[in-house]
Amino acid sequence: MKSFGKKAAGLRLERMKASPLWAGEGFRNLHPVLPGLRNTEVPRPTLSDFLCGGNRRIPQGPLPSVNPAEAWTRKPGSGLRATWLGHSTVLIEIDGLRVLTDPVWGPRASPTRLAGPKRFQPVPIALRAMPPIDLVLVSHDHYDHLDYPTIRELARLDVPFVTSLGVGAHLEAFGIAPERITELDWWETYKLPKGELTVTAAPSQHFSGRGLKDRDATLWSSLVIKSPRHSVFFSGDTGLTTEYAAIRERLGPFDLVMLEIGAYHPSWGDIHLGPVNAMEAHALLGGGAFLPVHWGTFSLAMHAWDEPVETLVALASQRAVQLVLPRLGEAVEPAHAHEVTPWWRGIDAPGRGKQRAPEPEMTMPKSVPWPID
């Protein structure tokens, strides 16, 4: 199946094996799991648990969203603006450049359109309607971050990709030209030829794999995006790690911190943050405006769909953390975002019937007209 991707070989594999994170047949996390992150007394969810559903794992209807196209025609006054498009997909406008993180427009976080976690929330704008992108970032190779149909469409554009070691083999298999791919080990930096923008891969606590026999065959990373005026942290997928303090020391401070808050469970708390550990990670990183990602799109764990954001809001109010919680598709400048409106509440109100989320629009024309560049 083409969506599985391709294993690394040749010079790519040799470079991977030269990484200090390579151990035997694959990559490893730098440190052991922190005490208390994983509750071994709680049984891991079974396939039956996922298939039989759970308490409010999917909202009764689509979440409020806006089409960001009109907002994107105006340049951000502060020079930094973020538009959450669902899950971990964010368009970052930073000093005149547009960076897209973990782009997923596909209908399922799965190798097939016939089975696997189906998105309950459509992307607020079609892929074909996106403005010109200067750089695409892919943190790791899991299906809810590296999406085959989306990459196939993006392959039509002349846009560079930055990703973690080994993931370039998948990108090539999906149609991205090798010269457009840069793979980074932790602490390595890529400089975009256009403009003064850099991307540095940094530690995270996770794993990788797209099939039954490629566990940890590619690296996973957090990513730091820097321009002369601004700095943004993107967690990708991660559990809590003390390496976040090292990231702050080497690459901080940050104007915007994007941390994952969804898809967590007590029995595998070491591979995803969840809202409680996300607050701890935010503190280790030195603070900054906090935009939560990795929620509100797919049901990938047993918790209620809105539990991550409700818990986060409660914790943030106790700790005076500046949350940035825009509606999907709402372009927001961290410098101007100070009030949180709980726009997600009321979706499950009594009498509101379930509505099927429309299939996301994918097809991208050869040229995309856009008012500004």
Protein backbone atom coordinates (compact mmCIF):
# COMPACT_ATOMS: atom_id res chain seq x y z
CA MET A 1 0.00 0.00 0.00
CA LYS A 2 1.55 3.30 -1.14
CA SER A 3 0.36 5.19 1.93
CA PHE A 4 2.67 3.11 4.15
CA GLY A 5 5.60 4.97 2.62
CA LYS A 6 9.11 3.61 2.11
CA LYS A 7 11.96 2.49 4.33
CA ALA A 8 15.18 4.47 4.35
CA ALA A 9 18.15 3.03 2.49
CA GLY A 10 21.58 3.94 1.18
CA LEU A 11 23.12 7.25 2.24
CA ARG A 12 19.94 8.27 4.04
CA LEU A 13 20.13 5.18 6.26
CA GLU A 14 23.84 5.67 6.88
CA ARG A 15 23.19 9.21 8.09
CA MET A 16 20.44 7.95 10.39
CA LYS A 17 22.76 5.33 11.89
CA ALA A 18 25.33 8.05 12.58
CA SER A 19 22.87 9.85 14.86
CA PRO A 20 23.54 9.58 18.61
CA LEU A 21 19.84 8.70 18.94
CA TRP A 22 20.16 5.54 16.83
CA ALA A 23 20.25 2.36 18.86
CA GLY A 24 20.52 -0.99 17.11
CA GLU A 25 17.57 -1.15 14.70
CA GLY A 26 15.91 2.21 15.33
CA PHE A 27 15.81 5.50 17.17
CA ARG A 28 15.32 5.90 20.91
CA ASN A 29 14.29 8.64 23.29
CA LEU A 30 17.19 10.35 25.01
CA HIS A 31 15.96 9.76 28.57
CA PRO A 32 13.87 7.10 30.30
CA VAL A 33 10.24 7.86 31.03
CA LEU A 34 9.85 10.30 33.93
CA PRO A 35 8.42 8.74 37.11
CA GLY A 36 4.65 8.96 37.39
CA LEU A 37 3.91 9.66 33.74
CA ARG A 38 2.65 6.16 32.98
CA ASN A 39 0.20 4.43 35.29
CA THR A 40 0.98 0.74 34.87
CA GLU A 41 -2.01 -0.23 37.02
CA VAL A 42 -4.45 1.11 34.43
CA PRO A 43 -5.08 -1.35 31.56
CA ARG A 44 -4.21 -0.12 28.09
CA PRO A 45 -7.25 0.49 25.85
CA THR A 46 -8.07 -2.46 23.61
CA LEU A 47 -9.22 -2.40 20.00
CA SER A 48 -12.70 -3.18 21.28
CA ASP A 49 -12.56 -0.10 23.54
CA PHE A 50 -11.85 2.09 20.54
CA LEU A 51 -14.45 0.45 18.29
CA CYS A 52 -17.22 0.54 20.89
CA GLY A 53 -16.79 4.23 21.50
CA GLY A 54 -16.81 5.97 24.82
CA ASN A 55 -18.27 8.87 26.71
CA ARG A 56 -18.66 11.84 24.32
CA ARG A 57 -15.59 11.01 22.27
CA ILE A 58 -17.10 12.80 19.25
CA PRO A 59 -19.10 16.05 19.37
CA GLN A 60 -22.75 16.10 18.34
CA GLY A 61 -22.02 18.38 15.39
CA PRO A 62 -19.23 20.33 13.67
CA LEU A 63 -17.32 22.82 15.81
CA PRO A 64 -17.57 26.55 15.04
CA SER A 65 -15.08 27.56 12.37
CA VAL A 66 -14.33 30.41 9.97
CA ASN A 67 -12.84 30.52 6.51
CA PRO A 68 -9.49 32.30 6.96
CA ALA A 69 -9.07 33.36 3.31
CA GLU A 70 -10.17 36.96 3.81
CA ALA A 71 -8.08 37.42 6.96
CA TRP A 72 -5.01 36.13 5.15
CA THR A 73 -5.25 38.93 2.58
CA ARG A 74 -4.14 41.37 5.33
CA LYS A 75 -0.64 41.19 6.74
CA PRO A 76 -0.35 40.69 10.51
CA GLY A 77 0.48 43.97 12.22
CA SER A 78 2.80 42.32 14.74
CA GLY A 79 4.54 40.20 12.10
CA LEU A 80 3.43 36.93 13.73
CA ARG A 81 0.06 35.24 13.22
CA ALA A 82 -1.16 31.67 13.58
CA THR A 83 -4.22 29.95 12.10
CA TRP A 84 -5.19 26.60 13.61
CA LEU A 85 -6.68 24.44 10.84
CA GLY A 86 -7.37 21.37 12.97
CA HIS A 87 -5.38 18.78 14.91
CA SER A 88 -1.67 19.75 14.55
CA THR A 89 -2.06 21.65 11.27
CA VAL A 90 -1.26 25.35 11.75
CA LEU A 91 -0.40 28.05 9.23
CA ILE A 92 2.21 30.30 10.81
CA GLU A 93 2.79 33.70 9.24
CA ILE A 94 6.12 34.97 10.49
CA ASP A 95 7.74 38.14 9.19
CA GLY A 96 6.31 37.80 5.68
CA LEU A 97 6.77 34.03 5.32
CA ARG A 98 4.18 31.25 5.61
CA VAL A 99 5.04 27.97 7.35
CA LEU A 100 2.62 25.02 7.47
CA THR A 101 2.96 22.42 10.24
CA ASP A 102 1.98 18.73 9.95
CA PRO A 103 -0.55 19.26 7.12
CA VAL A 104 -3.48 16.82 7.27
CA TRP A 105 -6.49 17.30 4.99
CA GLY A 106 -7.27 13.59 4.57
CA PRO A 107 -10.53 12.08 5.86
CA ARG A 108 -8.86 9.51 8.15
CA ALA A 109 -5.72 9.20 10.26
CA SER A 110 -5.09 5.86 8.61
CA PRO A 111 -3.35 4.19 5.65
CA THR A 112 -6.77 3.59 4.04
CA ARG A 113 -9.96 5.57 3.43
CA LEU A 114 -12.02 2.54 4.48
CA ALA A 115 -11.06 2.22 8.15
CA GLY A 116 -9.27 3.96 10.97
CA PRO A 117 -9.94 7.15 12.96
CA LYS A 118 -12.18 9.40 10.89
CA ARG A 119 -12.08 13.14 11.28
CA PHE A 120 -15.19 14.58 12.92
CA GLN A 121 -14.22 18.16 12.06
CA PRO A 122 -13.61 19.37 8.49
CA VAL A 123 -10.68 21.62 7.65
CA PRO A 124 -12.00 25.21 7.52
CA ILE A 125 -10.45 25.86 4.10
CA ALA A 126 -9.83 23.60 1.11
CA LEU A 127 -6.23 22.70 0.39
CA ARG A 128 -6.61 24.14 -3.10
CA ALA A 129 -7.58 27.51 -1.57
CA MET A 130 -4.48 27.86 0.60
CA PRO A 131 -2.18 30.83 -0.04
CA PRO A 132 1.38 30.27 -1.32
CA ILE A 133 3.35 28.30 1.29
CA ASP A 134 7.06 28.98 1.83
CA LEU A 135 7.85 25.93 3.95
CA VAL A 136 6.16 22.72 5.13
CA LEU A 137 7.18 21.05 8.41
CA VAL A 138 6.53 17.39 9.26
CA SER A 139 7.41 16.46 12.84
CA HIS A 140 7.20 12.65 12.47
CA ASP A 141 5.63 9.89 10.41
CA HIS A 142 2.39 8.98 12.22
CA TYR A 143 -0.75 9.12 10.07
CA ASP A 144 -2.31 12.05 11.89
CA HIS A 145 0.82 14.11 11.10
CA LEU A 146 2.08 12.70 7.79
CA ASP A 147 -0.96 12.32 5.55
CA TYR A 148 -0.51 10.57 2.20
CA PRO A 149 -3.31 12.29 0.20
CA THR A 150 -2.29 15.72 1.49
CA ILE A 151 1.38 15.22 0.63
CA ARG A 152 0.40 13.98 -2.84
CA GLU A 153 -1.38 17.28 -3.44
CA LEU A 154 1.43 19.38 -1.98
CA ALA A 155 3.88 17.55 -4.25
CA ARG A 156 2.44 19.63 -7.11
CA LEU A 157 3.85 22.79 -5.55
CA ASP A 158 7.47 23.89 -5.49
CA VAL A 159 7.67 24.14 -1.72
CA PRO A 160 10.50 22.83 0.51
CA PHE A 161 9.89 20.33 3.33
CA VAL A 162 11.76 20.05 6.63
CA THR A 163 11.31 16.90 8.66
CA SER A 164 13.00 14.45 11.03
CA LEU A 165 15.68 11.92 10.04
CA GLY A 166 14.33 9.11 7.86
CA VAL A 167 10.92 10.68 7.13
CA GLY A 168 12.26 11.93 3.82
CA ALA A 169 12.01 8.39 2.44
CA HIS A 170 8.22 8.54 2.93
CA LEU A 171 8.03 12.01 1.37
CA GLU A 172 9.95 10.85 -1.70
CA ALA A 173 7.65 7.84 -2.04
CA PHE A 174 4.68 10.24 -1.93
CA GLY A 175 6.06 12.36 -4.78
CA ILE A 176 8.21 15.07 -3.14
CA ALA A 177 11.41 15.68 -5.10
CA PRO A 178 14.56 14.80 -3.09
CA GLU A 179 16.05 18.28 -3.52
CA ARG A 180 13.01 19.75 -1.74
CA ILE A 181 13.51 17.62 1.39
CA THR A 182 15.72 18.44 4.38
CA GLU A 183 15.95 15.91 7.22
CA LEU A 184 17.21 17.05 10.61
CA ASP A 185 18.64 15.35 13.65
CA TRP A 186 17.98 17.01 17.01
CA TRP A 187 19.68 20.41 17.33
CA GLU A 188 20.38 20.63 13.60
CA THR A 189 19.17 23.77 11.81
CA TYR A 190 17.80 24.48 8.34
CA LYS A 191 17.89 27.98 6.83
CA LEU A 192 15.24 28.86 4.29
CA PRO A 193 16.91 30.35 1.19
CA LYS A 194 14.03 32.82 0.93
CA GLY A 195 14.14 35.32 3.80
CA GLU A 196 15.86 35.09 7.18
CA LEU A 197 14.07 32.11 8.66
CA THR A 198 15.50 29.03 10.36
CA VAL A 199 14.00 25.77 11.62
CA THR A 200 15.75 23.73 14.32
CA ALA A 201 14.78 20.18 15.24
CA ALA A 202 14.66 19.68 18.99
CA PRO A 203 13.96 16.80 21.41
CA SER A 204 10.59 15.20 22.03
CA GLN A 205 9.49 12.03 23.85
CA HIS A 206 7.58 9.85 21.41
CA PHE A 207 7.96 7.03 18.86
CA SER A 208 7.35 6.47 15.14
CA GLY A 209 6.03 3.95 12.64
CA ARG A 210 3.46 3.48 9.88
CA GLY A 211 3.26 -0.32 9.73
CA LEU A 212 3.78 -3.43 11.82
CA LYS A 213 7.52 -3.74 11.24
CA ASP A 214 8.88 -0.18 11.24
CA ARG A 215 8.57 0.88 14.87
CA ASP A 216 11.03 3.74 15.57
CA ALA A 217 12.58 3.43 12.11
CA THR A 218 12.37 7.22 11.69
CA LEU A 219 13.02 10.05 14.14
CA TRP A 220 10.43 12.27 15.86
CA SER A 221 11.11 15.90 16.76
CA SER A 222 9.77 19.12 18.09
CA LEU A 223 10.55 22.11 15.86
CA VAL A 224 11.58 25.69 16.54
CA ILE A 225 10.88 28.33 13.90
CA LYS A 226 12.87 31.56 14.16
CA SER A 227 12.96 34.83 12.25
CA PRO A 228 14.94 37.96 13.21
CA ARG A 229 11.93 39.22 15.21
CA HIS A 230 10.00 36.16 16.37
CA SER A 231 10.37 32.63 17.70
CA VAL A 232 7.80 29.81 17.68
CA PHE A 233 7.90 26.38 19.32
CA PHE A 234 5.93 23.44 17.85
CA SER A 235 5.83 20.26 19.92
CA GLY A 236 4.78 17.70 17.31
CA ASP A 237 3.84 14.67 19.45
CA THR A 238 5.55 14.21 22.79
CA GLY A 239 5.34 13.15 26.37
CA LEU A 240 6.82 15.29 29.11
CA THR A 241 10.61 15.43 29.02
CA THR A 242 13.20 17.41 30.97
CA GLU A 243 14.76 18.23 27.60
CA TYR A 244 12.26 21.08 27.38
CA ALA A 245 14.46 23.01 29.81
CA ALA A 246 17.42 22.50 27.45
CA ILE A 247 15.28 23.72 24.55
CA ARG A 248 14.49 26.90 26.48
CA GLU A 249 18.18 27.48 27.26
CA ARG A 250 19.39 26.88 23.70
CA LEU A 251 16.52 28.23 21.60
CA GLY A 252 14.18 30.29 23.80
CA PRO A 253 12.41 32.50 24.67
CA PHE A 254 9.31 31.95 22.51
CA ASP A 255 6.61 34.33 21.37
CA LEU A 256 4.29 31.41 20.64
CA VAL A 257 4.32 27.90 22.09
CA MET A 258 2.21 25.23 20.35
CA LEU A 259 1.82 22.12 22.52
CA GLU A 260 -0.29 19.01 21.99
CA ILE A 261 -3.05 18.46 24.56
CA GLY A 262 -5.24 15.64 23.18
CA ALA A 263 -5.09 11.85 22.71
CA TYR A 264 -3.76 10.91 26.14
CA HIS A 265 -4.39 8.00 28.49
CA PRO A 266 -3.00 7.11 31.94
CA SER A 267 -1.46 3.87 30.65
CA TRP A 268 0.53 5.66 27.92
CA GLY A 269 1.08 9.06 29.47
CA ASP A 270 4.72 9.06 28.40
CA ILE A 271 4.01 9.49 24.66
CA HIS A 272 1.47 12.34 24.78
CA LEU A 273 1.33 15.34 27.06
CA GLY A 274 -2.34 15.85 27.79
CA PRO A 275 -3.37 19.20 29.32
CA VAL A 276 -1.76 18.71 32.75
CA ASN A 277 1.69 17.82 31.42
CA ALA A 278 1.36 20.40 28.67
CA MET A 279 1.23 23.06 31.39
CA GLU A 280 4.41 21.60 32.89
CA ALA A 281 6.09 21.57 29.47
CA HIS A 282 5.02 25.19 28.92
CA ALA A 283 6.71 26.18 32.17
CA LEU A 284 9.90 24.31 31.28
CA LEU A 285 9.98 26.13 27.96
CA GLY A 286 9.89 29.48 29.75
CA GLY A 287 6.31 30.49 28.97
CA GLY A 288 4.98 32.49 26.05
CA ALA A 289 1.54 32.61 24.45
CA PHE A 290 0.20 29.02 24.47
CA LEU A 291 -1.74 27.70 21.46
CA PRO A 292 -2.99 24.13 22.13
CA VAL A 293 -3.01 21.70 19.20
CA HIS A 294 -3.71 17.98 18.60
CA TRP A 295 -7.38 18.12 19.63
CA GLY A 296 -10.79 18.89 18.14
CA THR A 297 -10.38 16.83 14.94
CA PHE A 298 -9.90 13.08 15.53
CA SER A 299 -10.91 10.73 18.33
CA LEU A 300 -7.63 9.03 19.16
CA ALA A 301 -8.14 8.17 22.85
CA MET A 302 -10.91 7.34 25.29
CA HIS A 303 -11.48 10.79 26.82
CA ALA A 304 -14.31 13.16 25.89
CA TRP A 305 -13.55 15.31 22.86
CA ASP A 306 -13.58 18.57 24.88
CA GLU A 307 -11.87 17.26 28.03
CA PRO A 308 -8.38 18.42 26.98
CA VAL A 309 -9.38 22.04 26.38
CA GLU A 310 -11.66 22.30 29.43
CA THR A 311 -8.90 20.99 31.70
CA LEU A 312 -6.36 23.31 30.10
CA VAL A 313 -8.55 26.40 30.57
CA ALA A 314 -9.05 25.59 34.24
CA LEU A 315 -5.32 25.10 34.81
CA ALA A 316 -4.33 28.21 32.85
CA SER A 317 -6.62 30.40 34.94
CA GLN A 318 -4.92 29.13 38.10
CA ARG A 319 -1.43 29.81 36.75
CA ALA A 320 -2.09 33.03 34.81
CA VAL A 321 -0.93 31.44 31.53
CA GLN A 322 -1.84 33.32 28.36
CA LEU A 323 -3.85 30.90 26.24
CA VAL A 324 -4.46 31.46 22.54
CA LEU A 325 -7.68 29.57 21.75
CA PRO A 326 -9.02 30.69 18.37
CA ARG A 327 -11.82 28.96 16.54
CA LEU A 328 -10.70 26.72 13.71
CA GLY A 329 -9.66 28.94 10.83
CA GLU A 330 -9.47 32.09 12.95
CA ALA A 331 -6.20 33.90 12.25
CA VAL A 332 -4.84 35.27 15.54
CA GLU A 333 -1.79 37.29 16.51
CA PRO A 334 -0.35 36.14 19.86
CA ALA A 335 0.63 39.72 20.70
CA HIS A 336 -3.04 40.74 20.57
CA ALA A 337 -4.76 37.61 21.95
CA HIS A 338 -5.63 38.04 25.62
CA GLU A 339 -9.21 36.88 26.20
CA VAL A 340 -10.36 33.27 25.86
CA THR A 341 -13.90 32.74 24.60
CA PRO A 342 -15.14 29.15 25.16
CA TRP A 343 -16.53 28.84 21.64
CA TRP A 344 -16.53 25.01 21.83
CA ARG A 345 -19.21 24.85 24.52
CA GLY A 346 -22.82 24.08 23.62
CA ILE A 347 -22.01 21.69 20.78
CA ASP A 348 -23.46 18.79 22.76
CA ALA A 349 -26.51 20.71 24.01
CA PRO A 350 -29.73 18.63 24.30
CA GLY A 351 -31.80 18.54 21.13
CA ARG A 352 -28.85 19.11 18.86
CA GLY A 353 -28.72 16.21 16.39
CA LYS A 354 -25.54 14.68 15.05
CA GLN A 355 -24.37 16.05 11.72
CA ARG A 356 -21.93 14.27 9.49
CA ALA A 357 -18.77 16.27 8.85
CA PRO A 358 -18.27 16.89 5.11
CA GLU A 359 -15.34 15.28 3.36
CA PRO A 360 -12.36 17.69 3.32
CA GLU A 361 -11.64 19.30 -0.03
CA MET A 362 -8.27 18.29 -1.39
CA THR A 363 -7.69 18.91 -5.08
CA MET A 364 -5.16 21.63 -5.75
CA PRO A 365 -4.90 23.35 -9.16
CA LYS A 366 -1.56 23.88 -10.84
CA SER A 367 -1.56 27.54 -9.83
CA VAL A 368 -3.24 29.10 -6.81
CA PRO A 369 -4.32 32.75 -7.24
CA TRP A 370 -3.80 34.82 -4.11
CA PRO A 371 -4.04 38.56 -3.45
CA ILE A 372 -0.71 39.00 -1.64
CA ASP A 373 2.59 37.17 -1.39
